C-alpha atoms as a PDB file:
ATOM      1  CA  MET A   1      78.271 252.229  64.894  1.00  0.00           C
ATOM      2  CA  LYS A   2      81.457 249.770  64.487  1.00  0.00           C
ATOM      3  CA  TRP A   3      82.962 247.971  67.145  1.00  0.00           C
ATOM      4  CA  ARG A   4      86.628 246.340  66.533  1.00  0.00           C
ATOM      5  CA  VAL A   5      87.115 243.603  68.840  1.00  0.00           C
ATOM      6  CA  PRO A   6      89.600 244.677  71.717  1.00  0.00           C
ATOM      7  CA  ASN A   7      92.292 241.977  71.986  1.00  0.00           C
ATOM      8  CA  TYR A   8      92.615 241.731  75.674  1.00  0.00           C
ATOM      9  CA  GLY A   9      91.445 239.540  78.244  1.00  0.00           C
ATOM     10  CA  ARG A  10      87.791 239.894  79.720  1.00  0.00           C
ATOM     11  CA  ILE A  11      87.702 243.833  79.218  1.00  0.00           C
ATOM     12  CA  LYS A  12      89.934 246.547  79.225  1.00  0.00           C
ATOM     13  CA  GLY A  13      90.453 248.555  82.147  1.00  0.00           C
ATOM     14  CA  ASN A  14      89.477 245.671  84.273  1.00  0.00           C
ATOM     15  CA  GLY A  15      93.116 245.967  85.383  1.00  0.00           C
ATOM     16  CA  ARG A  16      94.883 243.652  87.727  1.00  0.00           C
ATOM     17  CA  PHE A  17      96.449 245.557  90.618  1.00  0.00           C
ATOM     18  CA  ILE A  18      99.724 244.505  91.735  1.00  0.00           C
ATOM     19  CA  ARG A  19     101.524 245.527  94.831  1.00  0.00           C
ATOM     20  CA  SER A  20     104.879 246.850  94.550  1.00  0.00           C
ATOM     21  CA  GLY A  21     107.094 248.942  97.017  1.00  0.00           C
ATOM     22  CA  ARG A  22     110.695 250.120  97.367  1.00  0.00           C
ATOM     23  CA  THR A  23     112.044 253.358  95.927  1.00  0.00           C
ATOM     24  CA  GLU A  24     115.244 253.571  97.513  1.00  0.00           C
ATOM     25  CA  GLY A  25     118.279 251.202  97.638  1.00  0.00           C
ATOM     26  CA  ALA A  26     116.736 248.942  95.160  1.00  0.00           C
ATOM     27  CA  PRO A  27     119.524 246.624  93.633  1.00  0.00           C
ATOM     28  CA  GLU A  28     120.761 247.576  90.412  1.00  0.00           C
ATOM     29  CA  MET A  29     119.835 245.376  87.329  1.00  0.00           C
ATOM     30  CA  ARG A  30     122.880 243.473  85.853  1.00  0.00           C
ATOM     31  CA  ASP A  31     123.778 244.640  82.149  1.00  0.00           C
ATOM     32  CA  ASP A  32     123.198 240.978  80.824  1.00  0.00           C
ATOM     33  CA  ILE A  33     119.919 240.090  82.533  1.00  0.00           C
ATOM     34  CA  LEU A  34     117.442 241.702  80.140  1.00  0.00           C
ATOM     35  CA  GLY A  35     117.040 240.435  76.645  1.00  0.00           C
ATOM     36  CA  GLY A  36     120.248 238.378  76.670  1.00  0.00           C
ATOM     37  CA  ARG A  37     120.779 235.173  74.708  1.00  0.00           C
ATOM     38  CA  MET A  38     122.351 232.069  75.586  1.00  0.00           C
ATOM     39  CA  GLY A  39     123.414 228.960  74.072  1.00  0.00           C
ATOM     40  CA  ASN A  40     120.441 226.825  72.442  1.00  0.00           C
ATOM     41  CA  GLU A  41     118.558 229.963  71.488  1.00  0.00           C
ATOM     42  CA  LEU A  42     117.165 230.752  75.073  1.00  0.00           C
ATOM     43  CA  GLU A  43     116.622 234.307  76.088  1.00  0.00           C
ATOM     44  CA  LYS A  44     116.658 235.983  79.398  1.00  0.00           C
ATOM     45  CA  LEU A  45     113.191 237.350  80.292  1.00  0.00           C
ATOM     46  CA  PRO A  46     112.123 239.023  83.651  1.00  0.00           C
ATOM     47  CA  LEU A  47     109.253 237.462  84.812  1.00  0.00           C
ATOM     48  CA  PHE A  48     105.903 238.971  86.388  1.00  0.00           C
ATOM     49  CA  PRO A  49     103.893 236.082  87.990  1.00  0.00           C
ATOM     50  CA  LEU A  50     100.290 237.148  88.239  1.00  0.00           C
ATOM     51  CA  ASP A  51      96.946 235.609  89.429  1.00  0.00           C
ATOM     52  CA  THR A  52      95.799 236.041  85.739  1.00  0.00           C
ATOM     53  CA  VAL A  53      96.545 235.003  82.045  1.00  0.00           C
ATOM     54  CA  LEU A  54      97.656 237.021  79.308  1.00  0.00           C
ATOM     55  CA  PHE A  55      97.222 236.232  75.767  1.00  0.00           C
ATOM     56  CA  PRO A  56      99.195 237.177  72.809  1.00  0.00           C
ATOM     57  CA  GLN A  57      97.636 240.754  71.745  1.00  0.00           C
ATOM     58  CA  ALA A  58      95.900 241.150  74.987  1.00  0.00           C
ATOM     59  CA  SER A  59      95.731 244.235  77.016  1.00  0.00           C
ATOM     60  CA  LEU A  60      95.979 244.522  80.411  1.00  0.00           C
ATOM     61  CA  ARG A  61      96.469 247.253  83.226  1.00  0.00           C
ATOM     62  CA  LEU A  62      98.568 246.802  86.171  1.00  0.00           C
ATOM     63  CA  HIS A  63      99.165 248.975  89.274  1.00  0.00           C
ATOM     64  CA  VAL A  64     102.895 248.265  90.387  1.00  0.00           C
ATOM     65  CA  PHE A  65     103.909 249.220  93.869  1.00  0.00           C
ATOM     66  CA  GLU A  66     106.185 246.443  94.991  1.00  0.00           C
ATOM     67  CA  ASP A  67     110.016 247.159  95.006  1.00  0.00           C
ATOM     68  CA  ARG A  68     110.811 244.310  92.555  1.00  0.00           C
ATOM     69  CA  TYR A  69     108.322 245.003  89.944  1.00  0.00           C
ATOM     70  CA  ARG A  70     108.996 248.788  90.266  1.00  0.00           C
ATOM     71  CA  GLU A  71     112.686 247.731  89.114  1.00  0.00           C
ATOM     72  CA  LEU A  72     111.179 245.367  86.313  1.00  0.00           C
ATOM     73  CA  VAL A  73     109.179 248.416  84.928  1.00  0.00           C
ATOM     74  CA  ARG A  74     112.148 250.803  85.254  1.00  0.00           C
ATOM     75  CA  VAL A  75     114.714 248.583  83.457  1.00  0.00           C
ATOM     76  CA  CYS A  76     112.068 247.371  80.682  1.00  0.00           C
ATOM     77  CA  LEU A  77     111.278 251.069  79.931  1.00  0.00           C
ATOM     78  CA  GLU A  78     114.939 251.969  79.863  1.00  0.00           C
ATOM     79  CA  GLU A  79     116.156 249.156  77.569  1.00  0.00           C
ATOM     80  CA  GLU A  80     112.570 249.058  75.331  1.00  0.00           C
ATOM     81  CA  LYS A  81     112.326 245.543  76.230  1.00  0.00           C
ATOM     82  CA  PRO A  82     109.638 243.203  77.037  1.00  0.00           C
ATOM     83  CA  PHE A  83     109.062 241.264  80.267  1.00  0.00           C
ATOM     84  CA  GLY A  84     107.014 237.945  80.878  1.00  0.00           C
ATOM     85  CA  VAL A  85     103.838 237.568  82.295  1.00  0.00           C
ATOM     86  CA  VAL A  86     103.236 234.030  83.815  1.00  0.00           C
ATOM     87  CA  LEU A  87     100.312 232.723  85.775  1.00  0.00           C
ATOM     88  CA  ILE A  88     101.075 231.737  89.544  1.00  0.00           C
ATOM     89  CA  ARG A  89     101.068 228.194  90.142  1.00  0.00           C
ATOM     90  CA  ALA A  90     101.743 228.268  93.627  1.00  0.00           C
ATOM     91  CA  GLY A  91     102.564 231.305  96.187  1.00  0.00           C
ATOM     92  CA  GLN A  92     101.048 234.647  95.739  1.00  0.00           C
ATOM     93  CA  GLU A  93     101.362 237.860  93.844  1.00  0.00           C
ATOM     94  CA  VAL A  94     102.571 240.155  96.810  1.00  0.00           C
ATOM     95  CA  GLY A  95     105.600 239.352  98.582  1.00  0.00           C
ATOM     96  CA  GLY A  96     107.789 235.977  98.686  1.00  0.00           C
ATOM     97  CA  PHE A  97     108.569 233.962  95.855  1.00  0.00           C
ATOM     98  CA  ALA A  98     105.689 232.665  93.405  1.00  0.00           C
ATOM     99  CA  ASP A  99     106.089 229.381  91.464  1.00  0.00           C
ATOM    100  CA  PRO A 100     104.745 229.894  87.878  1.00  0.00           C
ATOM    101  CA  TYR A 101     103.739 227.930  85.139  1.00  0.00           C
ATOM    102  CA  MET A 102     106.186 227.150  82.525  1.00  0.00           C
ATOM    103  CA  VAL A 103     104.269 228.994  79.602  1.00  0.00           C
ATOM    104  CA  GLY A 104     103.670 232.661  79.548  1.00  0.00           C
ATOM    105  CA  THR A 105     103.273 235.536  77.285  1.00  0.00           C
ATOM    106  CA  MET A 106     105.576 238.328  76.634  1.00  0.00           C
ATOM    107  CA  ALA A 107     104.455 241.657  77.370  1.00  0.00           C
ATOM    108  CA  ARG A 108     105.371 245.175  76.149  1.00  0.00           C
ATOM    109  CA  ILE A 109     104.686 248.378  78.100  1.00  0.00           C
ATOM    110  CA  ARG A 110     102.234 250.562  75.961  1.00  0.00           C
ATOM    111  CA  ASP A 111     102.155 253.611  78.494  1.00  0.00           C
ATOM    112  CA  VAL A 112     102.926 254.385  82.117  1.00  0.00           C
ATOM    113  CA  SER A 113     101.323 256.751  84.744  1.00  0.00           C
ATOM    114  CA  ARG A 114     103.606 257.669  87.632  1.00  0.00           C
ATOM    115  CA  PHE A 115     102.656 258.388  91.276  1.00  0.00           C
ATOM    116  CA  GLU A 116     104.680 260.632  93.538  1.00  0.00           C
ATOM    117  CA  ASP A 117     105.669 257.938  95.968  1.00  0.00           C
ATOM    118  CA  GLY A 118     106.753 255.835  93.048  1.00  0.00           C
ATOM    119  CA  ARG A 119     103.762 253.826  92.449  1.00  0.00           C
ATOM    120  CA  MET A 120     103.043 253.237  88.708  1.00  0.00           C
ATOM    121  CA  ASP A 121      99.974 252.372  86.718  1.00  0.00           C
ATOM    122  CA  ILE A 122     101.112 250.520  83.289  1.00  0.00           C
ATOM    123  CA  HIS A 123      99.283 249.487  80.213  1.00  0.00           C
ATOM    124  CA  ILE A 124     100.684 246.405  78.650  1.00  0.00           C
ATOM    125  CA  ILE A 125     100.172 244.329  75.448  1.00  0.00           C
ATOM    126  CA  GLY A 126     100.799 240.989  75.177  1.00  0.00           C
ATOM    127  CA  GLU A 127     103.180 239.622  72.135  1.00  0.00           C
ATOM    128  CA  ARG A 128     104.250 236.151  71.680  1.00  0.00           C
ATOM    129  CA  ARG A 129     104.361 233.109  73.990  1.00  0.00           C
ATOM    130  CA  PHE A 130     107.336 231.679  75.536  1.00  0.00           C
ATOM    131  CA  ARG A 131     108.241 228.395  77.497  1.00  0.00           C
ATOM    132  CA  ILE A 132     110.487 228.457  80.417  1.00  0.00           C
ATOM    133  CA  ARG A 133     113.320 226.027  80.425  1.00  0.00           C
ATOM    134  CA  ARG A 134     114.983 227.241  83.522  1.00  0.00           C
ATOM    135  CA  LEU A 135     114.129 229.734  86.345  1.00  0.00           C
ATOM    136  CA  ASP A 136     116.977 231.971  87.861  1.00  0.00           C
ATOM    137  CA  GLU A 137     115.838 233.135  91.167  1.00  0.00           C
ATOM    138  CA  ASP A 138     118.905 235.022  91.957  1.00  0.00           C
ATOM    139  CA  ALA A 139     119.755 237.126  89.103  1.00  0.00           C
ATOM    140  CA  ALA A 140     117.725 240.272  89.843  1.00  0.00           C
ATOM    141  CA  PRO A 141     115.430 241.634  92.404  1.00  0.00           C
ATOM    142  CA  PHE A 142     112.857 239.775  90.489  1.00  0.00           C
ATOM    143  CA  LEU A 143     112.384 236.214  88.821  1.00  0.00           C
ATOM    144  CA  VAL A 144     114.092 235.829  85.602  1.00  0.00           C
ATOM    145  CA  GLY A 145     113.535 232.909  83.163  1.00  0.00           C
ATOM    146  CA  HIS A 146     115.608 231.510  80.397  1.00  0.00           C
ATOM    147  CA  VAL A 147     113.093 231.154  77.947  1.00  0.00           C
ATOM    148  CA  GLU A 148     112.280 229.756  74.178  1.00  0.00           C
ATOM    149  CA  PRO A 149     109.400 230.720  71.983  1.00  0.00           C
ATOM    150  CA  ILE A 150     106.473 228.633  71.301  1.00  0.00           C
ATOM    151  CA  TYR A 151     105.221 228.087  67.684  1.00  0.00           C
ATOM    152  CA  GLU A 152     101.838 227.448  66.440  1.00  0.00           C
ATOM    153  CA  HIS A 153     100.869 224.353  64.444  1.00  0.00           C
ATOM    154  CA  PRO A 154      98.990 226.042  61.461  1.00  0.00           C
ATOM    155  CA  ILE A 155      95.438 225.066  61.103  1.00  0.00           C
ATOM    156  CA  GLU A 156      94.473 222.503  58.021  1.00  0.00           C
ATOM    157  CA  ASP A 157      92.672 223.945  55.228  1.00  0.00           C
ATOM    158  CA  ASP A 158      89.748 221.219  55.293  1.00  0.00           C
ATOM    159  CA  ASP A 159      86.020 221.153  55.633  1.00  0.00           C
ATOM    160  CA  ARG A 160      86.285 220.209  59.406  1.00  0.00           C
ATOM    161  CA  ALA A 161      88.447 223.497  60.355  1.00  0.00           C
ATOM    162  CA  GLU A 162      86.182 225.500  58.162  1.00  0.00           C
ATOM    163  CA  ILE A 163      83.130 224.549  60.275  1.00  0.00           C
ATOM    164  CA  VAL A 164      84.734 225.052  63.485  1.00  0.00           C
ATOM    165  CA  VAL A 165      86.316 228.355  62.952  1.00  0.00           C
ATOM    166  CA  THR A 166      83.066 229.684  61.287  1.00  0.00           C
ATOM    167  CA  GLU A 167      80.634 228.337  64.095  1.00  0.00           C
ATOM    168  CA  ALA A 168      83.052 230.095  66.678  1.00  0.00           C
ATOM    169  CA  ARG A 169      83.292 233.328  64.698  1.00  0.00           C
ATOM    170  CA  GLU A 170      79.555 233.527  64.145  1.00  0.00           C
ATOM    171  CA  ASN A 171      78.731 232.532  67.822  1.00  0.00           C
ATOM    172  CA  VAL A 172      81.172 235.116  69.379  1.00  0.00           C
ATOM    173  CA  GLU A 173      79.871 237.847  67.064  1.00  0.00           C
ATOM    174  CA  LEU A 174      76.401 237.127  67.961  1.00  0.00           C
ATOM    175  CA  LEU A 175      77.209 237.620  71.654  1.00  0.00           C
ATOM    176  CA  VAL A 176      78.855 241.050  71.142  1.00  0.00           C
ATOM    177  CA  LYS A 177      76.019 242.225  69.267  1.00  0.00           C
ATOM    178  CA  ARG A 178      73.346 241.063  71.875  1.00  0.00           C
ATOM    179  CA  PHE A 179      75.483 242.958  74.424  1.00  0.00           C
ATOM    180  CA  PHE A 180      75.189 246.271  72.373  1.00  0.00           C
ATOM    181  CA  GLU A 181      71.550 245.680  71.329  1.00  0.00           C
ATOM    182  CA  ARG A 182      70.687 245.577  74.957  1.00  0.00           C
ATOM    183  CA  GLN A 183      72.196 249.027  75.260  1.00  0.00           C
ATOM    184  CA  GLN A 184      70.349 250.082  72.274  1.00  0.00           C
ATOM    185  CA  PHE A 185      73.600 250.274  69.895  1.00  0.00           C
ATOM    186  CA  ASN A 186      73.538 248.682  66.370  1.00  0.00           C
ATOM    187  CA  VAL A 187      77.202 247.550  65.859  1.00  0.00           C
ATOM    188  CA  GLN A 188      79.175 245.982  63.047  1.00  0.00           C
ATOM    189  CA  VAL A 189      81.649 243.689  64.894  1.00  0.00           C
ATOM    190  CA  MET A 190      84.944 243.494  63.274  1.00  0.00           C
ATOM    191  CA  PHE A 191      87.278 240.452  64.485  1.00  0.00           C
ATOM    192  CA  PRO A 192      90.586 239.271  63.170  1.00  0.00           C
ATOM    193  CA  THR A 193      90.437 237.288  60.155  1.00  0.00           C
ATOM    194  CA  ASP A 194      93.597 235.269  61.145  1.00  0.00           C
ATOM    195  CA  ALA A 195      92.580 232.126  62.718  1.00  0.00           C
ATOM    196  CA  VAL A 196      95.035 232.254  65.224  1.00  0.00           C
ATOM    197  CA  ASP A 197      94.429 235.855  66.319  1.00  0.00           C
ATOM    198  CA  LEU A 198      90.706 234.894  66.024  1.00  0.00           C
ATOM    199  CA  SER A 199      91.122 232.093  68.759  1.00  0.00           C
ATOM    200  CA  PHE A 200      93.028 234.393  71.275  1.00  0.00           C
ATOM    201  CA  SER A 201      90.524 237.090  70.728  1.00  0.00           C
ATOM    202  CA  ILE A 202      87.602 234.734  71.767  1.00  0.00           C
ATOM    203  CA  ALA A 203      89.748 233.209  74.550  1.00  0.00           C
ATOM    204  CA  ASN A 204      90.289 236.880  75.815  1.00  0.00           C
ATOM    205  CA  LEU A 205      86.805 237.914  75.714  1.00  0.00           C
ATOM    206  CA  LEU A 206      85.266 234.915  77.412  1.00  0.00           C
ATOM    207  CA  SER A 207      85.029 234.323  81.391  1.00  0.00           C
ATOM    208  CA  MET A 208      86.874 231.301  82.302  1.00  0.00           C
ATOM    209  CA  GLU A 209      88.792 230.005  85.182  1.00  0.00           C
ATOM    210  CA  ASN A 210      92.484 230.688  85.076  1.00  0.00           C
ATOM    211  CA  LEU A 211      93.499 227.027  84.630  1.00  0.00           C
ATOM    212  CA  HIS A 212      91.230 226.762  81.569  1.00  0.00           C
ATOM    213  CA  LYS A 213      92.851 230.031  80.189  1.00  0.00           C
ATOM    214  CA  GLN A 214      96.233 228.553  80.783  1.00  0.00           C
ATOM    215  CA  ARG A 215      95.367 225.370  78.907  1.00  0.00           C
ATOM    216  CA  LEU A 216      94.284 227.563  76.156  1.00  0.00           C
ATOM    217  CA  LEU A 217      97.372 229.527  76.205  1.00  0.00           C
ATOM    218  CA  GLU A 218      99.542 226.137  76.077  1.00  0.00           C
ATOM    219  CA  THR A 219      97.613 224.867  73.153  1.00  0.00           C
ATOM    220  CA  THR A 220      99.753 224.718  70.172  1.00  0.00           C
ATOM    221  CA  ASP A 221      97.109 223.689  67.666  1.00  0.00           C
ATOM    222  CA  THR A 222      94.739 226.412  66.639  1.00  0.00           C
ATOM    223  CA  LEU A 223      91.866 223.873  65.680  1.00  0.00           C
ATOM    224  CA  ASP A 224      92.191 222.362  69.152  1.00  0.00           C
ATOM    225  CA  ARG A 225      91.968 225.640  70.554  1.00  0.00           C
ATOM    226  CA  PHE A 226      88.777 226.538  68.779  1.00  0.00           C
ATOM    227  CA  GLU A 227      87.264 222.929  69.835  1.00  0.00           C
ATOM    228  CA  ASP A 228      87.787 224.041  73.553  1.00  0.00           C
ATOM    229  CA  LEU A 229      86.365 227.349  73.009  1.00  0.00           C
ATOM    230  CA  LEU A 230      83.088 226.321  71.347  1.00  0.00           C
ATOM    231  CA  PRO A 231      81.257 224.546  74.394  1.00  0.00           C
ATOM    232  CA  VAL A 232      81.905 227.857  76.562  1.00  0.00           C
ATOM    233  CA  LEU A 233      80.668 229.869  73.420  1.00  0.00           C
ATOM    234  CA  ARG A 234      77.452 227.985  73.094  1.00  0.00           C
ATOM    235  CA  SER A 235      77.054 228.096  76.932  1.00  0.00           C
ATOM    236  CA  ALA A 236      77.240 231.743  76.774  1.00  0.00           C
ATOM    237  CA  LEU A 237      74.604 232.092  74.092  1.00  0.00           C
ATOM    238  CA  MET A 238      72.236 230.317  75.933  1.00  0.00           C
ATOM    239  CA  GLU A 239      72.264 232.666  78.944  1.00  0.00           C
ATOM    240  CA  SER A 240      69.261 234.979  79.213  1.00  0.00           C
ATOM    241  CA  GLU A 241      71.200 237.823  80.725  1.00  0.00           C
ATOM    242  CA  THR A 242      74.229 239.698  79.530  1.00  0.00           C
ATOM    243  CA  PRO A 243      77.225 237.688  80.561  1.00  0.00           C
ATOM    244  CA  SER A 244      79.527 239.381  83.198  1.00  0.00           C
ATOM    245  CA  TYR A 245      82.300 239.378  80.697  1.00  0.00           C
ATOM    246  CA  PHE A 246      80.455 241.998  78.502  1.00  0.00           C
ATOM    247  CA  ARG A 247      79.928 244.333  81.425  1.00  0.00           C
ATOM    248  CA  ILE A 248      82.003 247.095  79.774  1.00  0.00           C
ATOM    249  CA  ALA A 249      82.602 250.447  81.211  1.00  0.00           C
ATOM    250  CA  SER A 250      81.784 253.416  78.734  1.00  0.00           C
ATOM    251  CA  ARG A 251      85.354 254.916  79.052  1.00  0.00           C
ATOM    252  CA  ASP A 252      86.568 251.561  77.676  1.00  0.00           C
ATOM    253  CA  LEU A 253      84.470 251.574  74.759  1.00  0.00           C
ATOM    254  CA  ALA A 254      86.208 254.666  73.409  1.00  0.00           C
ATOM    255  CA  GLU A 255      88.741 252.878  71.614  1.00  0.00           C
ATOM    256  CA  TRP A 256      86.360 250.631  69.658  1.00  0.00           C
ATOM    257  CA  VAL A 257      83.064 252.210  69.027  1.00  0.00           C
ATOM    258  CA  ASN A 258      82.863 254.938  66.513  1.00  0.00           C
ATOM    259  CA  PRO A 259      79.638 256.349  65.071  1.00  0.00           C
ATOM    260  CA  ASN A 260      78.876 255.360  61.295  1.00  0.00           C
END
């Protein structure tokens, strides 16, 4: 069997459930809020603060029932625009104001399931990272950031980089194979060949504290990210039991596991 590495944090279907609420009387969104450009190449981006970190190319499921986030989803779907996922620094997901970290990931809505009472389940995919330069708390029913893109420093083509990347790849492949072997599956693991994508795929898969994940998200040097991940990989390999982040539900494997 072949298993293509899912580019999502921890496991697909582990979805965060975010409360949301108003269906009637929600304020209308101003036309210039979504995807508007400002001076100095800043972009206006609706923000969705969460108690989790979303990486580029990561997949996440959210249950939305709070008024402001229903409106956010409605506008993003209508305008076919992304929104920003940011880790909460202070505050909480439900109600009131959440103070976010200044680096997050743009998210695109992949699909949505609607309930009769207005609640929604959405499936999102992380795209590129951004840095918030200014927060606009009064521009919309939800938080809006004036953001700029974050660029990655390419990894140097030298022996040290090759050693680090190779060890990280081999370690995570071994972890995945061990998981499936315990379930009596013989699999071929396919990770991204690009070093940046590989580093984020590993970060998505491993179980770490949110602050650690946020640090990895904010890192702009690919080699630094790999060197940060290696101790976690080595520790996971030493565990005698299947790590908790590999406890994947069977329904989550359909997209990634296919018979030879």
